[in-house]
Amino acid sequence: MVNKICNIVGWVLFIISAIGFIISSIGSFWAMFGSIFFLIACFVFLIPYFIKEN
């Protein structure tokens, strides 16, 4: 359980950094493009943590 919480905290920190990259890349199309895909990837990697196990 501690490992799962540690992983979730790590992904939340990645999401916060992705949001920071998005804010800092305002005005640059390619930087914004990459930052948004990074944020989406972070959410995709979080999906298994919220799916109930049988």
C-alpha atoms as a PDB file:
ATOM      1  CA  MET A   1       0.000   0.000   0.000  1.00  0.00           C
ATOM      2  CA  VAL A   2       2.841   2.395   0.782  1.00  0.00           C
ATOM      3  CA  ASN A   3       4.351   1.732  -2.656  1.00  0.00           C
ATOM      4  CA  LYS A   4       1.043   2.544  -4.358  1.00  0.00           C
ATOM      5  CA  ILE A   5       0.699   5.837  -2.452  1.00  0.00           C
ATOM      6  CA  CYS A   6       4.290   6.762  -3.285  1.00  0.00           C
ATOM      7  CA  ASN A   7       3.647   6.095  -6.978  1.00  0.00           C
ATOM      8  CA  ILE A   8       0.483   8.197  -6.972  1.00  0.00           C
ATOM      9  CA  VAL A   9       2.286  11.087  -5.266  1.00  0.00           C
ATOM     10  CA  GLY A  10       5.002  10.865  -7.925  1.00  0.00           C
ATOM     11  CA  TRP A  11       2.445  11.011 -10.739  1.00  0.00           C
ATOM     12  CA  VAL A  12       0.695  13.967  -9.109  1.00  0.00           C
ATOM     13  CA  LEU A  13       4.036  15.786  -9.032  1.00  0.00           C
ATOM     14  CA  PHE A  14       4.496  14.979 -12.733  1.00  0.00           C
ATOM     15  CA  ILE A  15       1.036  16.442 -13.420  1.00  0.00           C
ATOM     16  CA  ILE A  16       1.918  19.613 -11.522  1.00  0.00           C
ATOM     17  CA  SER A  17       5.134  19.962 -13.516  1.00  0.00           C
ATOM     18  CA  ALA A  18       3.206  19.377 -16.772  1.00  0.00           C
ATOM     19  CA  ILE A  19       0.810  22.175 -15.842  1.00  0.00           C
ATOM     20  CA  GLY A  20       3.818  24.407 -15.139  1.00  0.00           C
ATOM     21  CA  PHE A  21       5.281  23.557 -18.544  1.00  0.00           C
ATOM     22  CA  ILE A  22       1.948  24.378 -20.197  1.00  0.00           C
ATOM     23  CA  ILE A  23       1.808  27.759 -18.458  1.00  0.00           C
ATOM     24  CA  SER A  24       5.413  28.568 -19.369  1.00  0.00           C
ATOM     25  CA  SER A  25       4.912  27.551 -23.009  1.00  0.00           C
ATOM     26  CA  ILE A  26       2.047  29.945 -23.720  1.00  0.00           C
ATOM     27  CA  GLY A  27       2.817  31.541 -27.075  1.00  0.00           C
ATOM     28  CA  SER A  28       4.928  28.692 -28.424  1.00  0.00           C
ATOM     29  CA  PHE A  29       2.869  26.165 -30.373  1.00  0.00           C
ATOM     30  CA  TRP A  30       5.301  23.233 -30.312  1.00  0.00           C
ATOM     31  CA  ALA A  31       6.179  23.648 -26.650  1.00  0.00           C
ATOM     32  CA  MET A  32       2.477  23.792 -25.790  1.00  0.00           C
ATOM     33  CA  PHE A  33       1.820  20.751 -28.010  1.00  0.00           C
ATOM     34  CA  GLY A  34       4.472  18.706 -26.207  1.00  0.00           C
ATOM     35  CA  SER A  35       3.378  19.882 -22.767  1.00  0.00           C
ATOM     36  CA  ILE A  36      -0.236  18.910 -23.366  1.00  0.00           C
ATOM     37  CA  PHE A  37       0.763  15.448 -24.583  1.00  0.00           C
ATOM     38  CA  PHE A  38       2.976  15.062 -21.503  1.00  0.00           C
ATOM     39  CA  LEU A  39      -0.006  15.921 -19.281  1.00  0.00           C
ATOM     40  CA  ILE A  40      -2.249  13.461 -21.142  1.00  0.00           C
ATOM     41  CA  ALA A  41       0.392  10.739 -20.777  1.00  0.00           C
ATOM     42  CA  CYS A  42       0.540  11.351 -17.027  1.00  0.00           C
ATOM     43  CA  PHE A  43      -3.215  10.855 -16.771  1.00  0.00           C
ATOM     44  CA  VAL A  44      -3.041   7.689 -18.890  1.00  0.00           C
ATOM     45  CA  PHE A  45      -0.413   6.207 -16.577  1.00  0.00           C
ATOM     46  CA  LEU A  46      -2.660   6.986 -13.577  1.00  0.00           C
ATOM     47  CA  ILE A  47      -5.626   5.006 -14.944  1.00  0.00           C
ATOM     48  CA  PRO A  48      -4.495   1.614 -13.529  1.00  0.00           C
ATOM     49  CA  TYR A  49      -4.356   3.063 -10.009  1.00  0.00           C
ATOM     50  CA  PHE A  50      -8.053   3.907 -10.085  1.00  0.00           C
ATOM     51  CA  ILE A  51      -9.375   0.691 -11.637  1.00  0.00           C
ATOM     52  CA  LYS A  52     -10.732  -1.647  -8.973  1.00  0.00           C
ATOM     53  CA  GLU A  53      -9.019  -5.004  -8.742  1.00  0.00           C
ATOM     54  CA  ASN A  54     -11.126  -8.186  -8.623  1.00  0.00           C
END
